[in-house]
Protein backbone atom coordinates (compact mmCIF):
# COMPACT_ATOMS: atom_id res chain seq x y z
CA UNK A 1 118.22 102.07 113.42
CA UNK A 2 117.49 101.09 109.65
CA UNK A 3 113.89 100.60 108.39
CA UNK A 4 112.39 97.26 108.06
CA UNK A 5 111.68 95.83 104.56
CA UNK A 6 108.05 96.80 104.78
CA UNK A 7 108.70 100.11 105.68
CA UNK A 8 111.76 100.62 102.83
CA UNK A 9 108.85 99.29 100.25
CA UNK A 10 106.34 101.73 101.37
CA UNK A 11 108.91 104.56 101.01
CA UNK A 12 110.01 103.60 97.62
CA UNK A 13 106.17 103.46 96.53
CA UNK A 14 105.62 106.76 97.92
CA UNK A 15 108.84 108.12 95.99
CA UNK A 16 107.55 106.57 92.74
CA UNK A 17 103.94 108.02 93.57
CA UNK A 18 105.50 111.56 93.94
CA UNK A 19 107.73 111.77 91.27
CA UNK A 20 106.92 109.08 88.91
CA UNK A 21 109.18 106.10 87.71
CA UNK A 22 110.70 108.08 84.87
CA UNK A 23 112.15 110.94 87.08
CA UNK A 24 113.77 108.70 89.72
CA UNK A 25 116.77 107.83 87.49
CA UNK A 26 117.26 111.60 86.82
CA UNK A 27 117.10 112.53 90.48
CA UNK A 28 119.24 109.70 91.52
CA UNK A 29 121.98 110.85 88.72
CA UNK A 30 121.73 114.50 89.99
CA UNK A 31 122.10 113.40 93.53
CA UNK A 32 125.15 111.43 92.48
CA UNK A 33 126.63 114.55 90.62
CA UNK A 34 125.91 116.74 93.75
CA UNK A 35 128.04 113.80 96.06
CA UNK A 36 130.82 113.95 93.46
CA UNK A 37 130.93 117.91 93.68
CA UNK A 38 130.71 117.78 97.36
CA UNK A 39 133.56 115.39 97.53
CA UNK A 40 135.58 117.52 95.26
CA UNK A 41 135.25 120.61 96.83
CA UNK A 42 135.93 118.70 100.39
CA UNK A 43 139.13 117.41 99.13
CA UNK A 44 140.18 120.81 97.61
CA UNK A 45 139.45 122.60 101.20
CA UNK A 46 141.41 119.91 102.87
CA UNK A 47 144.42 120.32 100.63
CA UNK A 48 144.07 124.09 101.03
CA UNK A 49 144.23 123.70 104.79
CA UNK A 50 146.95 121.21 104.83
CA UNK A 51 149.25 123.97 102.75
CA UNK A 52 148.30 126.56 105.16
CA UNK A 53 149.28 124.43 108.17
CA UNK A 54 152.41 123.56 106.26
CA UNK A 55 153.23 127.32 105.70
CA UNK A 56 152.59 128.16 109.26
CA UNK A 57 154.93 125.30 110.44
CA UNK A 58 157.58 126.74 108.25
CA UNK A 59 157.48 130.20 109.39
CA UNK A 60 157.29 129.19 112.98
CA UNK A 61 160.31 127.48 112.54
CA UNK A 62 162.20 129.99 110.63
CA UNK A 63 161.12 132.29 113.41
CA UNK A 64 162.37 129.67 116.10
CA UNK A 65 165.53 129.54 114.07
CA UNK A 66 165.96 133.14 114.01
CA UNK A 67 165.44 133.59 117.77
CA UNK A 68 167.92 131.02 118.50
CA UNK A 69 170.51 132.76 116.12
CA UNK A 70 170.02 135.98 117.93
CA UNK A 71 170.40 134.60 121.31
CA UNK A 72 173.69 132.88 120.48
CA UNK A 73 175.20 135.90 119.06
CA UNK A 74 178.15 137.08 121.16
CA UNK A 75 178.11 140.67 122.46
CA UNK A 76 174.78 140.64 123.08
CA UNK A 77 174.02 143.22 125.84
CA UNK A 78 172.37 141.65 129.15
CA UNK A 79 168.90 142.81 129.93
CA UNK A 80 168.94 143.48 133.47
């Protein structure tokens, strides 16, 4: 599943040859920022989805309560 040590060293050498030793910290910094922004956006979407679910549950509960109250009212005409 994970590359062996030799393969990992070969990959690192190729990366250094492609980008140069000076650019690697910049690339790593950019990847770190991108990962942070992704996590922040994911958390925001999860909070919003949780709020929507909570609102839907409150609405459904209110509708159930209204239906129960309508069923319990005296003098309701029979439907049949």
